Amino acid sequence: MTHLFSPPGACAPERSTYRFFPRLGLFILAALMFFLAGIPGILLVPAEMQNHLMIVISSGSAALVLSILFVIQYRSDPAAVLRGRTFSQPFKVGALALIALYALFGIVIAFLHLPQEAFMSDLLTGLSPWQTLIKIASLLVLPPIAEELFFRHYLLRLFPYENSQLWKWIAIIVTSAIFAGLHLQYGNWTSVALIFLSGCVFAVTRIVSGGLMVPMLLHLLLEIIGLSTDWAFELAGLYG
């Protein structure tokens, strides 16, 4: 890659007339949808079902309403905006970066004998096989859609990243820091750092590819790697 934001064979990164207030308005609307969409489900779904349906209720509802907003915003051709300009190279580089990050942090966790995250240890506790399947499937599919639409589209677009190298890096760092900061279910510093760096990978590939498909698929890959690594570490007794 000759330049971080100009992969070979791809057209130049998008440039646009930056209009802050329309982007701010869309972000505020998206934020309300992202944080409030799950409330009706929480109120209506019986308490005994909320454990295995919580991700469907929260991320599923957010993914649905944000997808509708995205389609309305780009009603002329939402698929083209979702797909972006280029796919193969950003996805390959992003996947290798995520694998390398997990390998590095896995070594750190094993070396320091850090404990398993309480959120992960309780994730599937007390669930039947079909409830486990529902929760894992929803975890793999729904957060990548909801979170990439919110963080790597509506939040990222608050910054004029299309027109300045400095603003690109500001957008990448700030959105990734917010992304990590809102994952309050994790307590270990390694988890927070890993989420921040993964967010940087998602944001960079969002800008390089020009679309949301690559970061969404990379987010899905991250969920698979995270679940597999946690299971392997627990099975091998590598947690402190």
Protein backbone atom coordinates (compact mmCIF):
# COMPACT_ATOMS: atom_id res chain seq x y z
CA MET A 1 0.00 0.00 0.00
CA THR A 2 1.74 3.14 -1.23
CA HIS A 3 -0.33 5.40 0.98
CA LEU A 4 -2.50 4.50 3.92
CA PHE A 5 -5.57 6.15 2.43
CA SER A 6 -4.90 5.48 -1.27
CA PRO A 7 -4.65 1.74 -1.94
CA PRO A 8 -3.28 0.74 -5.36
CA GLY A 9 -5.91 0.17 -8.00
CA ALA A 10 -8.57 2.15 -6.15
CA CYS A 11 -9.87 5.54 -7.06
CA ALA A 12 -8.88 8.46 -4.88
CA PRO A 13 -10.51 8.76 -1.46
CA GLU A 14 -13.81 10.56 -1.53
CA ARG A 15 -13.89 14.31 -1.20
CA SER A 16 -17.03 16.23 -0.45
CA THR A 17 -18.28 19.60 0.59
CA TYR A 18 -18.25 19.36 4.36
CA ARG A 19 -21.48 20.60 5.95
CA PHE A 20 -21.30 20.25 9.69
CA PHE A 21 -24.88 20.91 10.75
CA PRO A 22 -26.58 18.38 8.42
CA ARG A 23 -24.06 15.77 9.60
CA LEU A 24 -24.62 16.79 13.21
CA GLY A 25 -28.37 16.47 12.79
CA LEU A 26 -28.03 12.97 11.35
CA PHE A 27 -25.62 12.00 14.12
CA ILE A 28 -28.01 13.18 16.85
CA LEU A 29 -30.84 11.24 15.24
CA ALA A 30 -28.62 8.17 14.87
CA ALA A 31 -27.46 8.47 18.50
CA LEU A 32 -31.05 8.57 19.76
CA MET A 33 -31.84 5.50 17.68
CA PHE A 34 -28.69 3.67 18.76
CA PHE A 35 -29.17 4.20 22.48
CA LEU A 36 -32.97 4.13 22.75
CA ALA A 37 -34.09 1.59 20.14
CA GLY A 38 -33.87 -1.32 22.57
CA ILE A 39 -36.05 0.21 25.30
CA PRO A 40 -39.40 -1.07 23.95
CA GLY A 41 -37.98 -4.59 23.75
CA ILE A 42 -36.68 -4.43 27.30
CA LEU A 43 -40.11 -3.34 28.51
CA LEU A 44 -42.06 -5.90 26.48
CA VAL A 45 -39.89 -9.03 26.49
CA PRO A 46 -40.41 -11.21 29.61
CA ALA A 47 -37.55 -11.08 32.10
CA GLU A 48 -36.85 -14.82 31.78
CA MET A 49 -36.16 -14.38 28.04
CA GLN A 50 -34.00 -11.28 28.23
CA ASN A 51 -30.72 -13.07 28.95
CA HIS A 52 -30.46 -14.87 25.62
CA LEU A 53 -32.39 -12.18 23.70
CA MET A 54 -30.59 -9.13 25.12
CA ILE A 55 -28.36 -8.66 22.07
CA VAL A 56 -31.34 -9.04 19.75
CA ILE A 57 -33.25 -6.49 21.82
CA SER A 58 -30.44 -3.92 21.99
CA SER A 59 -28.16 -4.34 18.97
CA GLY A 60 -30.88 -5.87 16.80
CA SER A 61 -33.23 -2.95 17.31
CA ALA A 62 -30.41 -0.46 16.76
CA ALA A 63 -29.25 -2.27 13.62
CA LEU A 64 -32.78 -2.19 12.19
CA VAL A 65 -33.50 1.49 12.75
CA LEU A 66 -30.01 2.64 11.73
CA SER A 67 -30.22 0.55 8.56
CA ILE A 68 -33.53 2.22 7.72
CA LEU A 69 -31.96 5.65 8.35
CA PHE A 70 -28.98 4.71 6.14
CA VAL A 71 -31.25 3.56 3.29
CA ILE A 72 -33.27 6.79 3.52
CA GLN A 73 -30.08 8.87 3.57
CA TYR A 74 -28.69 7.14 0.45
CA ARG A 75 -31.99 6.18 -1.14
CA SER A 76 -30.60 6.64 -4.68
CA ASP A 77 -28.10 3.76 -4.24
CA PRO A 78 -27.49 2.58 -0.64
CA ALA A 79 -25.80 -0.64 -1.83
CA ALA A 80 -23.04 1.31 -3.59
CA VAL A 81 -22.33 3.38 -0.47
CA LEU A 82 -22.33 0.25 1.67
CA ARG A 83 -20.00 -1.55 -0.73
CA GLY A 84 -17.57 1.34 -1.21
CA ARG A 85 -14.79 1.74 -3.77
CA THR A 86 -12.56 -1.23 -3.00
CA PHE A 87 -12.84 -4.36 -0.87
CA SER A 88 -10.11 -7.00 -1.19
CA GLN A 89 -6.97 -5.24 0.03
CA PRO A 90 -8.53 -3.32 2.96
CA PHE A 91 -10.23 -6.50 4.14
CA LYS A 92 -7.06 -8.61 3.92
CA VAL A 93 -4.88 -6.03 5.67
CA GLY A 94 -7.56 -5.39 8.30
CA ALA A 95 -8.01 -9.12 8.98
CA LEU A 96 -4.26 -9.62 9.40
CA ALA A 97 -4.11 -6.61 11.74
CA LEU A 98 -6.91 -8.00 13.93
CA ILE A 99 -5.28 -11.45 14.10
CA ALA A 100 -1.96 -9.85 15.02
CA LEU A 101 -3.60 -7.74 17.73
CA TYR A 102 -5.30 -10.74 19.31
CA ALA A 103 -2.08 -12.75 19.18
CA LEU A 104 -0.16 -9.92 20.86
CA PHE A 105 -2.73 -9.32 23.58
CA GLY A 106 -3.14 -13.06 24.10
CA ILE A 107 0.57 -13.27 24.92
CA VAL A 108 0.24 -10.33 27.32
CA ILE A 109 -2.78 -11.88 29.08
CA ALA A 110 -1.07 -15.24 29.44
CA PHE A 111 2.22 -13.69 30.60
CA LEU A 112 0.56 -11.44 33.21
CA HIS A 113 -1.95 -14.14 34.25
CA LEU A 114 -4.83 -11.71 33.86
CA PRO A 115 -8.32 -12.96 34.82
CA GLN A 116 -11.08 -13.74 32.37
CA GLU A 117 -13.51 -10.90 31.79
CA ALA A 118 -16.60 -11.34 33.99
CA PHE A 119 -18.78 -10.44 31.01
CA MET A 120 -17.30 -13.31 28.98
CA SER A 121 -17.45 -15.84 31.80
CA ASP A 122 -21.15 -15.07 32.35
CA LEU A 123 -22.04 -14.72 28.66
CA LEU A 124 -23.56 -18.18 28.17
CA THR A 125 -24.15 -19.20 31.78
CA GLY A 126 -27.47 -20.93 32.44
CA LEU A 127 -28.54 -21.07 28.79
CA SER A 128 -29.99 -24.08 27.01
CA PRO A 129 -28.35 -25.21 23.72
CA TRP A 130 -30.83 -23.32 21.53
CA GLN A 131 -30.62 -20.22 23.72
CA THR A 132 -26.83 -20.39 23.43
CA LEU A 133 -27.15 -20.64 19.65
CA ILE A 134 -29.43 -17.60 19.52
CA LYS A 135 -27.12 -15.53 21.69
CA ILE A 136 -23.95 -16.45 19.77
CA ALA A 137 -25.61 -15.88 16.38
CA SER A 138 -26.96 -12.50 17.45
CA LEU A 139 -23.56 -11.52 18.87
CA LEU A 140 -21.83 -12.36 15.59
CA VAL A 141 -24.29 -10.57 13.31
CA LEU A 142 -26.04 -7.67 15.03
CA PRO A 143 -23.33 -5.59 16.80
CA PRO A 144 -21.22 -5.40 13.61
CA ILE A 145 -24.15 -3.84 11.78
CA ALA A 146 -25.36 -1.49 14.53
CA GLU A 147 -21.96 -0.37 15.81
CA GLU A 148 -20.36 0.14 12.40
CA LEU A 149 -23.30 2.22 11.21
CA PHE A 150 -23.15 4.34 14.34
CA PHE A 151 -19.41 4.67 14.99
CA ARG A 152 -17.85 4.34 11.53
CA HIS A 153 -20.57 6.22 9.66
CA TYR A 154 -22.62 8.71 11.63
CA LEU A 155 -19.99 9.50 14.26
CA LEU A 156 -17.03 9.39 11.83
CA ARG A 157 -18.80 11.77 9.44
CA LEU A 158 -18.85 14.50 12.09
CA PHE A 159 -15.20 15.01 11.16
CA PRO A 160 -14.15 16.34 7.71
CA TYR A 161 -11.96 13.29 7.20
CA GLU A 162 -12.47 13.35 3.42
CA ASN A 163 -10.51 16.57 2.99
CA SER A 164 -7.54 16.45 5.37
CA GLN A 165 -4.94 13.91 6.49
CA LEU A 166 -4.93 15.48 9.95
CA TRP A 167 -8.70 15.19 10.24
CA LYS A 168 -8.53 11.56 9.12
CA TRP A 169 -6.34 10.68 12.09
CA ILE A 170 -8.37 12.81 14.48
CA ALA A 171 -11.53 11.03 13.31
CA ILE A 172 -9.89 7.60 13.63
CA ILE A 173 -8.54 8.20 17.14
CA VAL A 174 -11.55 10.02 18.60
CA THR A 175 -14.17 7.60 17.25
CA SER A 176 -12.10 4.62 18.38
CA ALA A 177 -11.68 6.08 21.86
CA ILE A 178 -15.44 6.62 22.15
CA PHE A 179 -16.02 3.12 20.76
CA ALA A 180 -13.78 1.64 23.48
CA GLY A 181 -15.18 3.87 26.20
CA LEU A 182 -18.76 2.78 25.54
CA HIS A 183 -17.94 -0.91 25.94
CA LEU A 184 -18.48 -0.64 29.68
CA GLN A 185 -18.96 -4.38 30.14
CA TYR A 186 -15.19 -4.94 30.02
CA GLY A 187 -12.90 -4.20 32.96
CA ASN A 188 -9.39 -5.36 32.06
CA TRP A 189 -7.13 -2.71 30.56
CA THR A 190 -6.10 -5.18 27.87
CA SER A 191 -9.70 -5.49 26.70
CA VAL A 192 -10.16 -1.72 26.51
CA ALA A 193 -6.87 -1.29 24.63
CA LEU A 194 -7.76 -4.11 22.24
CA ILE A 195 -11.18 -2.60 21.53
CA PHE A 196 -9.60 0.82 20.89
CA LEU A 197 -7.02 -0.58 18.46
CA SER A 198 -9.65 -2.71 16.74
CA GLY A 199 -11.75 0.43 16.35
CA CYS A 200 -8.76 2.09 14.69
CA VAL A 201 -8.57 -0.82 12.23
CA PHE A 202 -12.29 -0.52 11.49
CA ALA A 203 -12.04 3.26 10.97
CA VAL A 204 -8.98 3.03 8.71
CA THR A 205 -10.59 0.36 6.54
CA ARG A 206 -13.80 2.41 6.43
CA ILE A 207 -11.87 5.36 5.02
CA VAL A 208 -9.68 3.32 2.67
CA SER A 209 -12.54 1.21 1.27
CA GLY A 210 -14.99 4.10 1.10
CA GLY A 211 -17.80 1.91 2.43
CA LEU A 212 -19.11 0.10 5.46
CA MET A 213 -18.98 -3.48 4.16
CA VAL A 214 -15.30 -4.02 5.02
CA PRO A 215 -15.48 -2.79 8.65
CA MET A 216 -18.73 -4.70 9.19
CA LEU A 217 -17.15 -7.96 8.03
CA LEU A 218 -14.00 -7.25 10.02
CA HIS A 219 -16.17 -6.62 13.09
CA LEU A 220 -17.82 -10.01 12.48
CA LEU A 221 -14.35 -11.56 12.23
CA LEU A 222 -13.40 -9.86 15.50
CA GLU A 223 -16.40 -11.40 17.26
CA ILE A 224 -15.42 -14.85 15.98
CA ILE A 225 -11.78 -14.43 17.04
CA GLY A 226 -12.80 -13.04 20.43
CA LEU A 227 -15.19 -15.88 21.25
CA SER A 228 -12.75 -18.52 20.01
CA THR A 229 -9.80 -17.05 21.88
CA ASP A 230 -11.74 -16.73 25.13
CA TRP A 231 -12.95 -20.34 24.85
CA ALA A 232 -9.42 -21.59 24.07
CA PHE A 233 -7.86 -19.64 26.94
CA GLU A 234 -10.48 -20.91 29.40
CA LEU A 235 -10.06 -24.49 28.19
CA ALA A 236 -6.27 -24.27 28.44
CA GLY A 237 -6.35 -22.63 31.87
CA LEU A 238 -4.37 -19.59 30.70
CA TYR A 239 -6.41 -17.06 32.65
CA GLY A 240 -5.14 -15.95 36.04
